[in-house]
N, C-alpha and C. Protein backbone atom coordinates (compact mmCIF):
# COMPACT_ATOMS: atom_id res chain seq x y z
N ASP A 1 49.72 -112.14 189.41
CA ASP A 1 50.74 -112.73 189.96
C ASP A 1 51.45 -112.03 190.94
N ASP A 2 52.72 -112.31 191.49
CA ASP A 2 53.43 -111.52 192.41
C ASP A 2 54.67 -110.85 191.78
N SER A 3 54.70 -110.36 190.69
CA SER A 3 55.45 -109.80 189.82
C SER A 3 55.40 -108.35 189.99
N SER A 4 54.45 -107.80 190.21
CA SER A 4 54.32 -106.41 190.47
C SER A 4 54.91 -105.87 191.57
N CYS A 5 55.49 -104.62 191.49
CA CYS A 5 56.31 -103.88 192.60
C CYS A 5 55.42 -103.12 193.40
N PHE A 6 54.35 -102.94 193.13
CA PHE A 6 53.36 -102.11 194.07
C PHE A 6 51.93 -102.88 194.32
N PRO A 7 51.13 -102.49 195.24
CA PRO A 7 49.99 -103.25 195.69
C PRO A 7 49.00 -102.64 194.41
N ILE A 8 47.94 -103.65 194.35
CA ILE A 8 46.77 -103.34 193.12
C ILE A 8 45.57 -103.89 193.82
N PHE A 9 45.01 -102.66 193.76
CA PHE A 9 43.40 -102.90 194.40
C PHE A 9 42.18 -103.09 193.37
N ASP A 10 41.23 -103.87 193.21
CA ASP A 10 40.57 -103.86 192.06
C ASP A 10 39.11 -103.18 192.87
N ILE A 11 38.92 -101.94 192.57
CA ILE A 11 37.87 -101.34 193.41
C ILE A 11 36.38 -101.77 192.79
N GLY A 12 36.62 -102.18 191.33
CA GLY A 12 35.51 -102.66 190.92
C GLY A 12 34.48 -103.59 191.40
N TYR A 13 35.41 -104.32 192.24
CA TYR A 13 34.76 -105.58 192.76
C TYR A 13 34.50 -105.19 194.27
N SER A 14 34.63 -104.10 194.88
CA SER A 14 34.29 -103.84 196.16
C SER A 14 32.89 -103.54 196.59
N TYR A 15 32.51 -103.94 197.72
CA TYR A 15 31.05 -104.04 197.73
C TYR A 15 30.25 -102.61 197.52
N CYS A 16 30.83 -101.56 197.81
CA CYS A 16 30.33 -100.23 197.56
C CYS A 16 30.23 -99.89 196.10
N LYS A 17 31.34 -100.21 195.40
CA LYS A 17 31.39 -100.02 193.91
C LYS A 17 30.43 -100.96 193.02
N TYR A 18 30.60 -102.12 193.29
CA TYR A 18 29.67 -103.25 192.86
C TYR A 18 28.40 -103.42 192.95
N LYS A 19 27.99 -103.28 194.17
CA LYS A 19 26.63 -103.69 194.79
C LYS A 19 25.96 -102.35 194.84
N LEU A 20 26.49 -101.34 195.43
CA LEU A 20 25.84 -100.08 195.86
C LEU A 20 25.62 -99.19 194.56
N CYS A 21 26.82 -99.22 193.97
CA CYS A 21 26.98 -98.15 193.00
C CYS A 21 26.45 -98.68 191.48
N ASN A 22 26.87 -99.87 191.07
CA ASN A 22 26.45 -100.36 189.76
C ASN A 22 24.92 -100.55 189.53
N GLY A 23 24.41 -101.03 190.61
CA GLY A 23 23.17 -101.39 190.58
C GLY A 23 22.14 -99.92 190.45
N SER A 24 21.94 -99.42 191.68
CA SER A 24 20.89 -98.39 191.88
C SER A 24 21.45 -97.18 191.33
N GLY A 25 22.89 -96.91 191.39
CA GLY A 25 23.36 -95.66 190.91
C GLY A 25 23.10 -95.68 189.21
N THR A 26 23.52 -96.81 188.61
CA THR A 26 23.51 -96.80 187.34
C THR A 26 21.73 -96.76 186.75
N GLY A 27 21.06 -97.65 187.75
CA GLY A 27 19.66 -97.73 187.08
C GLY A 27 18.98 -96.16 187.35
N PHE A 28 19.15 -95.85 188.42
CA PHE A 28 18.54 -94.41 188.49
C PHE A 28 19.03 -93.29 187.49
N SER A 29 20.12 -93.29 187.32
CA SER A 29 20.94 -92.41 186.52
C SER A 29 20.64 -92.73 185.10
N THR A 30 20.15 -93.75 184.65
CA THR A 30 19.82 -94.12 183.31
C THR A 30 18.35 -93.72 183.05
N LEU A 31 17.69 -94.02 184.25
CA LEU A 31 16.07 -93.43 183.95
C LEU A 31 16.32 -91.87 183.73
N ILE A 32 16.88 -91.36 184.65
CA ILE A 32 17.04 -89.76 184.44
C ILE A 32 17.46 -89.27 183.11
N THR A 33 18.55 -89.84 182.48
CA THR A 33 19.19 -89.60 181.35
C THR A 33 18.14 -89.82 180.47
N ILE A 34 17.43 -90.90 180.09
CA ILE A 34 16.67 -91.35 178.93
C ILE A 34 15.58 -90.18 179.14
N PHE A 35 15.10 -89.98 180.28
CA PHE A 35 13.75 -88.81 180.34
C PHE A 35 14.18 -87.56 179.82
N SER A 36 15.52 -87.04 180.20
CA SER A 36 16.14 -85.87 180.04
C SER A 36 16.34 -85.60 178.53
N LEU A 37 16.73 -86.85 177.63
CA LEU A 37 16.91 -86.52 176.49
C LEU A 37 15.83 -86.53 175.52
N VAL A 38 14.93 -87.58 175.62
CA VAL A 38 13.79 -87.85 174.96
C VAL A 38 12.55 -87.46 175.56
N ASN A 39 12.48 -86.97 176.61
CA ASN A 39 11.04 -86.72 177.18
C ASN A 39 10.03 -87.58 177.07
N ILE A 40 10.30 -89.01 177.59
CA ILE A 40 8.98 -89.86 177.36
C ILE A 40 8.85 -90.43 178.86
N ASN A 41 7.53 -91.08 179.02
CA ASN A 41 7.17 -91.55 180.24
C ASN A 41 7.49 -92.92 180.29
N PRO A 42 8.31 -93.54 181.22
CA PRO A 42 8.34 -95.03 180.90
C PRO A 42 7.52 -96.02 181.42
N ALA A 43 6.27 -95.39 182.00
CA ALA A 43 5.13 -96.15 182.41
C ALA A 43 4.20 -96.81 181.00
N GLY A 44 4.17 -98.31 181.11
CA GLY A 44 3.65 -98.83 180.07
C GLY A 44 4.60 -99.26 178.78
N LYS A 45 5.59 -98.84 179.13
CA LYS A 45 6.66 -98.94 178.02
C LYS A 45 7.40 -100.62 178.15
N ASN A 46 7.55 -101.23 177.00
CA ASN A 46 8.49 -102.42 177.29
C ASN A 46 9.87 -102.22 177.18
N VAL A 47 10.47 -102.43 178.10
CA VAL A 47 11.92 -102.27 178.26
C VAL A 47 12.79 -103.60 178.27
N LEU A 48 13.53 -103.56 177.15
CA LEU A 48 14.59 -104.86 176.72
C LEU A 48 15.82 -104.45 177.67
N VAL A 49 16.22 -105.24 178.81
CA VAL A 49 17.28 -104.99 179.48
C VAL A 49 18.30 -106.32 178.99
N ILE A 50 19.31 -105.97 178.33
CA ILE A 50 20.39 -106.78 177.88
C ILE A 50 21.61 -106.88 178.84
N GLY A 51 21.74 -108.20 179.45
CA GLY A 51 22.58 -108.29 180.63
C GLY A 51 21.83 -108.22 181.86
N TYR A 52 21.85 -109.02 182.74
CA TYR A 52 21.39 -109.05 184.00
C TYR A 52 22.14 -109.09 185.14
N GLY A 53 23.70 -108.35 185.15
CA GLY A 53 24.38 -108.42 186.40
C GLY A 53 23.85 -107.18 187.25
N GLU A 54 24.70 -106.69 188.10
CA GLU A 54 24.27 -105.46 188.80
C GLU A 54 23.73 -104.53 188.27
N VAL A 55 24.38 -104.20 186.94
CA VAL A 55 24.00 -102.81 186.20
C VAL A 55 22.50 -103.19 185.76
N GLY A 56 22.35 -104.34 185.08
CA GLY A 56 20.92 -104.58 184.57
C GLY A 56 19.89 -104.78 185.56
N LYS A 57 20.49 -105.33 186.76
CA LYS A 57 19.38 -105.43 187.97
C LYS A 57 18.86 -104.19 188.30
N GLY A 58 19.75 -103.12 188.43
CA GLY A 58 19.32 -101.86 188.76
C GLY A 58 18.45 -101.05 187.86
N VAL A 59 19.01 -101.24 186.34
CA VAL A 59 18.18 -100.46 185.36
C VAL A 59 16.83 -101.28 185.28
N ALA A 60 16.48 -102.50 185.48
CA ALA A 60 15.33 -103.32 185.66
C ALA A 60 14.44 -102.51 186.47
N LYS A 61 15.01 -102.68 187.80
CA LYS A 61 14.49 -102.10 189.03
C LYS A 61 13.81 -100.71 188.79
N PHE A 62 14.34 -99.95 188.33
CA PHE A 62 14.01 -98.39 188.29
C PHE A 62 13.00 -98.19 187.26
N PHE A 63 13.19 -98.97 186.32
CA PHE A 63 12.13 -98.82 185.31
C PHE A 63 10.87 -99.45 185.63
N ALA A 64 10.99 -100.68 186.09
CA ALA A 64 9.72 -101.37 186.82
C ALA A 64 9.11 -100.41 187.90
N GLN A 65 9.75 -99.73 188.86
CA GLN A 65 9.41 -98.95 189.64
C GLN A 65 8.29 -97.90 188.92
N ASN A 66 8.58 -97.40 187.71
CA ASN A 66 8.10 -96.49 187.41
C ASN A 66 7.13 -96.98 186.13
N GLY A 67 6.92 -98.06 186.15
CA GLY A 67 5.57 -98.74 185.44
C GLY A 67 6.04 -99.45 184.16
N SER A 68 7.25 -99.58 183.95
CA SER A 68 7.41 -100.29 182.69
C SER A 68 7.56 -101.75 182.62
N ASN A 69 7.25 -102.59 181.82
CA ASN A 69 7.44 -103.77 181.47
C ASN A 69 8.77 -104.47 181.25
N ILE A 70 9.36 -105.30 182.22
CA ILE A 70 10.96 -105.64 182.06
C ILE A 70 10.87 -106.68 180.98
N ILE A 71 11.64 -106.88 180.15
CA ILE A 71 12.03 -108.10 179.23
C ILE A 71 13.56 -108.14 179.60
N VAL A 72 14.09 -109.37 179.78
CA VAL A 72 15.46 -109.44 179.93
C VAL A 72 16.28 -110.75 179.21
N TRP A 73 17.30 -110.21 178.43
CA TRP A 73 18.32 -111.11 177.87
C TRP A 73 19.45 -111.24 178.58
N ASP A 74 20.01 -112.58 178.69
CA ASP A 74 21.42 -112.73 179.38
C ASP A 74 21.73 -114.29 178.81
N ASN A 75 23.17 -113.99 178.46
CA ASN A 75 23.79 -115.44 178.27
C ASN A 75 23.86 -116.34 179.48
N SER A 76 23.42 -116.17 180.57
CA SER A 76 23.62 -116.79 181.62
C SER A 76 22.35 -117.45 182.32
N THR A 77 21.98 -118.71 182.26
CA THR A 77 20.73 -119.15 182.64
C THR A 77 20.44 -118.98 184.07
N GLN A 78 21.60 -119.01 184.83
CA GLN A 78 21.16 -118.46 186.24
C GLN A 78 20.68 -117.08 186.49
N ASN A 79 21.10 -115.88 185.55
CA ASN A 79 20.72 -114.58 185.40
C ASN A 79 19.20 -114.57 185.11
N LEU A 80 19.00 -115.38 183.86
CA LEU A 80 17.59 -115.51 183.44
C LEU A 80 16.62 -115.79 184.58
N ALA A 81 17.12 -116.96 185.41
CA ALA A 81 16.58 -117.39 186.48
C ALA A 81 16.28 -116.61 187.45
N ALA A 82 17.22 -115.52 187.79
CA ALA A 82 16.97 -114.79 188.76
C ALA A 82 16.05 -113.54 188.45
N SER A 83 16.10 -113.37 187.00
CA SER A 83 15.26 -112.26 186.62
C SER A 83 13.93 -112.66 186.65
N TYR A 84 13.38 -113.87 186.29
CA TYR A 84 12.06 -114.38 186.57
C TYR A 84 11.48 -114.23 187.88
N PHE A 85 12.49 -114.61 188.90
CA PHE A 85 12.13 -114.55 190.12
C PHE A 85 12.13 -113.19 190.74
N ASP A 86 12.64 -112.33 190.12
CA ASP A 86 12.46 -110.67 190.40
C ASP A 86 11.14 -110.17 189.78
N GLY A 87 10.65 -111.03 188.89
CA GLY A 87 9.17 -110.75 188.70
C GLY A 87 9.20 -110.12 187.31
N PHE A 88 10.35 -110.36 186.32
CA PHE A 88 10.40 -109.87 185.06
C PHE A 88 10.36 -111.06 184.22
N ASN A 89 10.30 -110.68 182.91
CA ASN A 89 10.18 -111.70 181.77
C ASN A 89 11.57 -112.11 181.21
N PRO A 90 12.19 -113.14 181.33
CA PRO A 90 13.33 -113.67 180.73
C PRO A 90 12.98 -113.83 179.21
N ASP A 91 14.03 -114.06 178.38
CA ASP A 91 13.70 -113.79 177.00
C ASP A 91 14.95 -114.75 176.34
N PRO A 92 15.38 -116.02 176.55
CA PRO A 92 16.73 -116.45 176.06
C PRO A 92 16.58 -116.63 174.54
N GLU A 93 15.69 -116.56 173.88
CA GLU A 93 15.45 -116.89 172.42
C GLU A 93 15.21 -115.52 171.57
N LYS A 94 15.31 -114.24 172.60
CA LYS A 94 15.12 -112.80 171.70
C LYS A 94 13.87 -113.07 171.04
N ALA A 95 12.83 -113.54 171.63
CA ALA A 95 11.47 -113.39 171.14
C ALA A 95 10.72 -112.19 170.94
N PHE A 96 11.03 -111.69 172.09
CA PHE A 96 10.29 -110.47 172.52
C PHE A 96 10.86 -109.20 171.80
N LEU A 97 12.12 -109.25 171.05
CA LEU A 97 12.86 -108.12 170.45
C LEU A 97 11.65 -107.21 169.92
N ASN A 98 10.96 -107.57 169.12
CA ASN A 98 10.04 -106.75 168.38
C ASN A 98 8.92 -106.14 168.94
N LYS A 99 9.00 -106.15 170.40
CA LYS A 99 8.09 -105.62 171.38
C LYS A 99 8.85 -104.53 172.22
N ALA A 100 10.26 -104.49 172.09
CA ALA A 100 10.75 -103.45 172.95
C ALA A 100 10.49 -102.09 172.41
N ASP A 101 10.14 -101.16 173.35
CA ASP A 101 10.07 -99.83 173.12
C ASP A 101 11.45 -99.19 173.53
N ILE A 102 11.97 -99.69 174.55
CA ILE A 102 13.30 -99.04 174.69
C ILE A 102 14.31 -100.49 174.96
N ILE A 103 15.48 -100.42 174.36
CA ILE A 103 16.50 -101.28 174.65
C ILE A 103 17.74 -100.89 175.42
N VAL A 104 18.06 -101.29 176.80
CA VAL A 104 19.11 -100.87 177.26
C VAL A 104 20.30 -101.82 177.42
N THR A 105 21.53 -101.66 177.11
CA THR A 105 22.64 -102.64 176.96
C THR A 105 23.20 -102.41 178.36
N CYS A 106 23.44 -103.46 179.09
CA CYS A 106 24.36 -103.62 180.45
C CYS A 106 25.05 -104.90 180.30
N SER A 107 25.37 -105.33 179.44
CA SER A 107 26.17 -106.73 179.43
C SER A 107 27.71 -106.47 179.49
N GLY A 108 28.47 -105.61 179.12
CA GLY A 108 29.72 -105.69 179.20
C GLY A 108 30.25 -106.43 177.83
N ASP A 109 29.46 -106.68 176.78
CA ASP A 109 29.77 -107.69 175.71
C ASP A 109 30.23 -106.79 174.73
N ILE A 110 30.69 -107.27 173.58
CA ILE A 110 31.12 -106.57 172.19
C ILE A 110 29.52 -106.95 171.40
N ASN A 111 29.06 -105.92 170.72
CA ASN A 111 28.04 -105.91 169.81
C ASN A 111 26.93 -106.75 170.60
N ALA A 112 26.42 -106.26 171.75
CA ALA A 112 25.40 -106.90 172.52
C ALA A 112 23.92 -106.66 171.33
N PHE A 113 24.14 -105.74 170.99
CA PHE A 113 22.83 -105.14 170.12
C PHE A 113 23.85 -104.82 168.63
N GLY A 114 23.27 -105.39 167.57
CA GLY A 114 24.19 -105.23 166.29
C GLY A 114 23.25 -105.54 165.17
N LYS A 115 23.93 -105.92 164.08
CA LYS A 115 23.41 -106.41 162.66
C LYS A 115 22.42 -107.37 162.99
N ASP A 116 22.42 -108.29 163.61
CA ASP A 116 21.64 -109.60 163.62
C ASP A 116 20.28 -108.89 164.31
N GLU A 117 20.21 -108.23 165.22
CA GLU A 117 19.07 -107.60 166.09
C GLU A 117 18.29 -106.68 164.98
N LEU A 118 18.75 -106.07 163.93
CA LEU A 118 18.04 -104.97 163.21
C LEU A 118 17.01 -105.18 162.78
N SER A 119 16.92 -106.32 162.00
CA SER A 119 15.59 -106.66 161.31
C SER A 119 14.56 -107.05 162.08
N ALA A 120 14.88 -107.39 163.52
CA ALA A 120 13.57 -107.55 164.22
C ALA A 120 13.07 -106.65 165.16
N VAL A 121 13.48 -105.35 165.28
CA VAL A 121 13.20 -104.44 166.07
C VAL A 121 12.06 -103.73 165.74
N LYS A 122 11.45 -103.20 166.88
CA LYS A 122 10.19 -102.44 166.55
C LYS A 122 10.62 -101.11 166.17
N ASP A 123 9.62 -100.50 165.22
CA ASP A 123 9.82 -99.11 164.68
C ASP A 123 9.51 -98.19 166.04
N GLU A 124 10.51 -97.19 165.82
CA GLU A 124 10.67 -96.04 166.77
C GLU A 124 11.25 -96.53 167.99
N VAL A 125 11.99 -97.67 168.13
CA VAL A 125 12.66 -98.10 169.25
C VAL A 125 13.63 -97.19 169.53
N ILE A 126 14.19 -97.09 171.02
CA ILE A 126 15.25 -96.19 171.43
C ILE A 126 16.19 -97.23 172.06
N ILE A 127 17.36 -97.00 171.57
CA ILE A 127 18.48 -97.85 172.08
C ILE A 127 19.45 -96.92 172.82
N VAL A 128 19.91 -97.58 174.30
CA VAL A 128 20.95 -96.79 174.79
C VAL A 128 21.79 -98.00 175.65
N ASN A 129 22.95 -97.38 175.63
CA ASN A 129 24.04 -98.20 176.34
C ASN A 129 24.28 -97.74 177.64
N VAL A 130 24.66 -98.44 178.66
CA VAL A 130 24.98 -98.06 179.88
C VAL A 130 26.12 -99.06 180.59
N GLY A 131 26.35 -100.07 179.59
CA GLY A 131 27.19 -101.09 180.15
C GLY A 131 28.65 -100.48 180.39
N CYS A 132 29.71 -101.59 180.26
CA CYS A 132 31.08 -101.18 180.53
C CYS A 132 31.83 -100.29 179.47
N PHE A 133 31.33 -100.75 178.22
CA PHE A 133 32.23 -100.34 177.02
C PHE A 133 31.25 -99.66 175.89
N ALA A 134 31.85 -98.78 175.28
CA ALA A 134 30.98 -98.35 173.96
C ALA A 134 30.57 -99.34 172.93
N SER A 135 31.56 -100.42 173.00
CA SER A 135 31.32 -101.44 171.81
C SER A 135 29.95 -102.15 172.18
N GLU A 136 29.23 -102.12 173.19
CA GLU A 136 28.05 -102.85 173.15
C GLU A 136 27.02 -102.81 172.04
N ILE A 137 26.92 -101.52 171.72
CA ILE A 137 25.99 -100.98 170.51
C ILE A 137 26.91 -101.11 169.14
N ASP A 138 26.63 -102.00 168.17
CA ASP A 138 27.57 -101.79 167.02
C ASP A 138 27.00 -100.66 166.26
N PHE A 139 27.24 -99.53 166.61
CA PHE A 139 26.64 -98.08 165.97
C PHE A 139 26.91 -98.09 164.41
N LYS A 140 28.31 -98.55 164.02
CA LYS A 140 28.74 -98.69 162.47
C LYS A 140 27.64 -99.73 161.47
N SER A 141 27.23 -100.61 162.36
CA SER A 141 26.44 -101.49 161.45
C SER A 141 25.09 -100.78 161.39
N ILE A 142 24.79 -100.02 162.46
CA ILE A 142 23.39 -99.50 162.21
C ILE A 142 23.45 -98.46 161.32
N LYS A 143 24.63 -97.59 161.06
CA LYS A 143 24.61 -96.69 160.09
C LYS A 143 24.65 -97.24 158.80
N ASP A 144 25.58 -98.38 158.76
CA ASP A 144 25.80 -99.11 157.48
C ASP A 144 24.30 -99.56 156.91
N ASN A 145 23.52 -99.98 157.90
CA ASN A 145 22.51 -100.45 157.14
C ASN A 145 21.11 -99.53 157.31
N SER A 146 21.33 -98.29 157.24
CA SER A 146 20.23 -97.52 157.20
C SER A 146 20.59 -96.34 155.80
N ILE A 147 19.27 -95.75 155.63
CA ILE A 147 19.14 -95.12 154.44
C ILE A 147 18.89 -93.67 154.66
N HIS A 148 18.87 -93.47 156.00
CA HIS A 148 18.54 -92.16 156.26
C HIS A 148 19.27 -91.69 157.80
N HIS A 149 20.17 -90.75 158.25
CA HIS A 149 20.51 -90.58 159.39
C HIS A 149 20.12 -89.09 159.70
N GLU A 150 19.51 -89.00 160.79
CA GLU A 150 19.15 -87.51 161.22
C GLU A 150 19.89 -87.38 162.56
N HIS A 151 20.75 -86.39 162.53
CA HIS A 151 21.51 -85.96 163.93
C HIS A 151 20.82 -84.73 164.56
N SER A 152 19.78 -85.03 165.19
CA SER A 152 18.79 -84.02 165.79
C SER A 152 19.51 -83.30 166.95
N ASP A 153 20.26 -83.97 167.67
CA ASP A 153 20.83 -83.19 168.87
C ASP A 153 22.11 -83.77 169.04
N THR A 154 23.25 -83.25 169.92
CA THR A 154 24.33 -83.88 170.23
C THR A 154 24.33 -85.25 170.57
N HIS A 155 23.37 -85.59 171.26
CA HIS A 155 23.25 -87.07 172.10
C HIS A 155 21.87 -87.83 171.31
N ILE A 156 21.52 -87.35 170.32
CA ILE A 156 20.40 -88.44 169.63
C ILE A 156 20.57 -88.41 168.18
N ASP A 157 20.85 -89.58 167.75
CA ASP A 157 20.75 -90.04 166.41
C ASP A 157 19.71 -90.94 166.12
N THR A 158 19.10 -90.61 164.98
CA THR A 158 17.89 -91.40 164.28
C THR A 158 18.12 -92.03 162.97
N PHE A 159 18.07 -93.15 162.86
CA PHE A 159 18.20 -94.05 161.61
C PHE A 159 17.10 -94.54 161.36
N THR A 160 16.89 -94.32 159.87
CA THR A 160 15.73 -95.02 159.09
C THR A 160 16.41 -96.29 158.35
N LEU A 161 16.06 -97.40 158.67
CA LEU A 161 16.28 -98.58 158.26
C LEU A 161 16.06 -98.73 156.82
N ARG A 162 16.76 -99.84 156.15
CA ARG A 162 16.11 -100.14 154.64
C ARG A 162 14.78 -100.82 154.70
N ASN A 163 14.20 -101.50 155.69
CA ASN A 163 12.63 -101.85 155.91
C ASN A 163 11.86 -100.92 156.34
N GLY A 164 12.33 -99.52 156.31
CA GLY A 164 11.49 -98.41 156.75
C GLY A 164 11.32 -97.98 158.14
N LYS A 165 11.74 -98.76 159.25
CA LYS A 165 11.82 -98.57 160.37
C LYS A 165 12.89 -97.64 160.89
N LYS A 166 12.37 -96.77 161.80
CA LYS A 166 13.20 -95.94 162.45
C LYS A 166 13.62 -96.35 163.72
N LEU A 167 15.09 -96.10 164.37
CA LEU A 167 15.42 -96.36 165.45
C LEU A 167 16.30 -95.03 166.07
N THR A 168 16.23 -94.94 167.15
CA THR A 168 17.03 -93.89 167.62
C THR A 168 18.08 -94.34 168.72
N VAL A 169 19.29 -93.91 168.62
CA VAL A 169 20.36 -94.41 169.34
C VAL A 169 20.87 -93.03 170.24
N LEU A 170 20.85 -93.29 171.37
CA LEU A 170 21.46 -92.18 172.44
C LEU A 170 22.96 -92.18 172.61
N SER A 171 23.53 -91.17 172.67
CA SER A 171 24.80 -90.89 172.97
C SER A 171 25.97 -91.55 172.11
N LYS A 172 25.54 -91.81 170.78
CA LYS A 172 26.31 -92.74 169.88
C LYS A 172 26.67 -93.82 170.40
N GLY A 173 25.98 -94.71 171.06
CA GLY A 173 26.28 -95.94 171.87
C GLY A 173 27.38 -96.00 172.96
N ASN A 174 27.85 -94.56 173.45
CA ASN A 174 28.58 -94.42 174.66
C ASN A 174 27.71 -94.72 175.67
N LEU A 175 28.56 -94.96 176.94
CA LEU A 175 27.62 -94.89 178.12
C LEU A 175 26.73 -93.54 178.35
N SER A 176 25.57 -93.76 178.10
CA SER A 176 24.80 -92.61 178.03
C SER A 176 24.55 -91.80 179.54
N ASN A 177 24.50 -92.64 180.40
CA ASN A 177 24.15 -92.05 181.55
C ASN A 177 25.39 -91.18 182.14
N ILE A 178 26.82 -91.52 181.65
CA ILE A 178 27.93 -90.58 181.94
C ILE A 178 28.01 -89.78 180.79
N SER A 179 28.04 -90.06 179.57
CA SER A 179 28.45 -89.28 178.33
C SER A 179 27.42 -88.03 178.35
N SER A 180 25.89 -88.30 178.41
CA SER A 180 25.05 -87.40 178.20
C SER A 180 24.28 -87.22 179.69
N GLY A 181 24.54 -87.97 180.63
CA GLY A 181 23.96 -87.43 181.86
C GLY A 181 24.94 -86.83 182.83
N ASN A 182 24.43 -86.80 184.13
CA ASN A 182 25.36 -86.76 185.41
C ASN A 182 26.01 -87.95 185.91
N GLY A 183 25.63 -88.97 185.53
CA GLY A 183 26.30 -90.30 186.26
C GLY A 183 25.59 -90.39 187.55
N TRP A 184 26.40 -91.36 188.30
CA TRP A 184 25.65 -91.72 189.57
C TRP A 184 25.50 -90.42 190.48
N PRO A 185 24.25 -90.46 191.20
CA PRO A 185 24.08 -89.52 192.28
C PRO A 185 25.18 -89.32 193.03
N VAL A 186 25.35 -88.15 193.77
CA VAL A 186 26.43 -87.88 194.65
C VAL A 186 26.88 -88.59 195.80
N GLU A 187 25.75 -89.16 196.22
CA GLU A 187 26.09 -90.07 197.32
C GLU A 187 26.64 -91.31 196.94
N GLN A 188 26.47 -91.81 195.81
CA GLN A 188 27.01 -93.27 195.49
C GLN A 188 28.34 -92.96 194.79
N ILE A 189 28.63 -91.95 194.27
CA ILE A 189 30.00 -91.96 193.55
C ILE A 189 30.89 -91.26 194.74
N ASP A 190 30.60 -90.78 195.80
CA ASP A 190 31.27 -90.51 196.93
C ASP A 190 31.76 -91.88 197.54
N LEU A 191 30.79 -92.84 197.52
CA LEU A 191 31.20 -94.31 198.16
C LEU A 191 32.57 -94.77 197.35
N SER A 192 32.40 -94.92 196.06
CA SER A 192 33.38 -95.13 195.06
C SER A 192 34.78 -94.27 195.37
N PHE A 193 34.64 -93.34 195.20
CA PHE A 193 35.86 -92.34 195.48
C PHE A 193 36.24 -92.48 196.63
N ALA A 194 35.50 -92.82 197.89
CA ALA A 194 36.22 -92.96 199.23
C ALA A 194 36.99 -94.34 199.25
N ILE A 195 36.31 -95.06 198.70
CA ILE A 195 37.38 -96.41 198.53
C ILE A 195 38.41 -96.43 198.10
N SER A 196 38.58 -95.73 196.83
CA SER A 196 39.80 -95.48 196.11
C SER A 196 40.87 -94.59 196.77
N THR A 197 40.25 -93.92 197.63
CA THR A 197 41.11 -92.87 198.22
C THR A 197 41.74 -93.72 199.47
N LEU A 198 40.79 -94.30 200.12
CA LEU A 198 41.61 -95.30 201.31
C LEU A 198 42.75 -96.06 200.68
N CYS A 199 42.75 -96.72 199.55
CA CYS A 199 43.67 -97.59 198.84
C CYS A 199 45.15 -96.82 199.19
N PHE A 200 45.21 -95.52 198.99
CA PHE A 200 46.35 -94.75 199.18
C PHE A 200 47.13 -94.71 200.59
N GLN A 201 46.25 -95.14 201.41
CA GLN A 201 46.90 -95.00 202.78
C GLN A 201 47.64 -96.12 203.09
């Protein structure tokens, strides 16, 4: 409303931030972070992208460019349709959850991956969050439903579930490309900071 006594600028929806940084910046840094933490080749892996906004599109693009098979969940029919015409596999019913080798949450939702998904995941799946909030992965539910927890690295937690399957969560569910990686490449973070700086003039 008009009650604020100072101007407010929503940098998050600027073109530089929303389009140029969220997509390719997050997509590239996610790929690099996962590789640096667990040292796996994405080629041939089934990667489930949860949320197909700008961040999800960037993640899907960079993994696809490196040979991954992309599966997409999203609550929006429009986004699922967009993923199909981008050449990916939309999965509105979560039917391919048990095929995913890597799950990347990019949705901005609370518990985008949680207790309801645990029973269906593939053994040895890797789960990583690069969305807006740490609450996208229900880390507590994963801990509560496991019988063994191995903390092999500052950024790597592997859980053995009651059904015997193992899953690895990176960065304790925090935004992995930032908390465990270097974040966006410098050229893209410069764009976002430049817009912020201009708002003070």
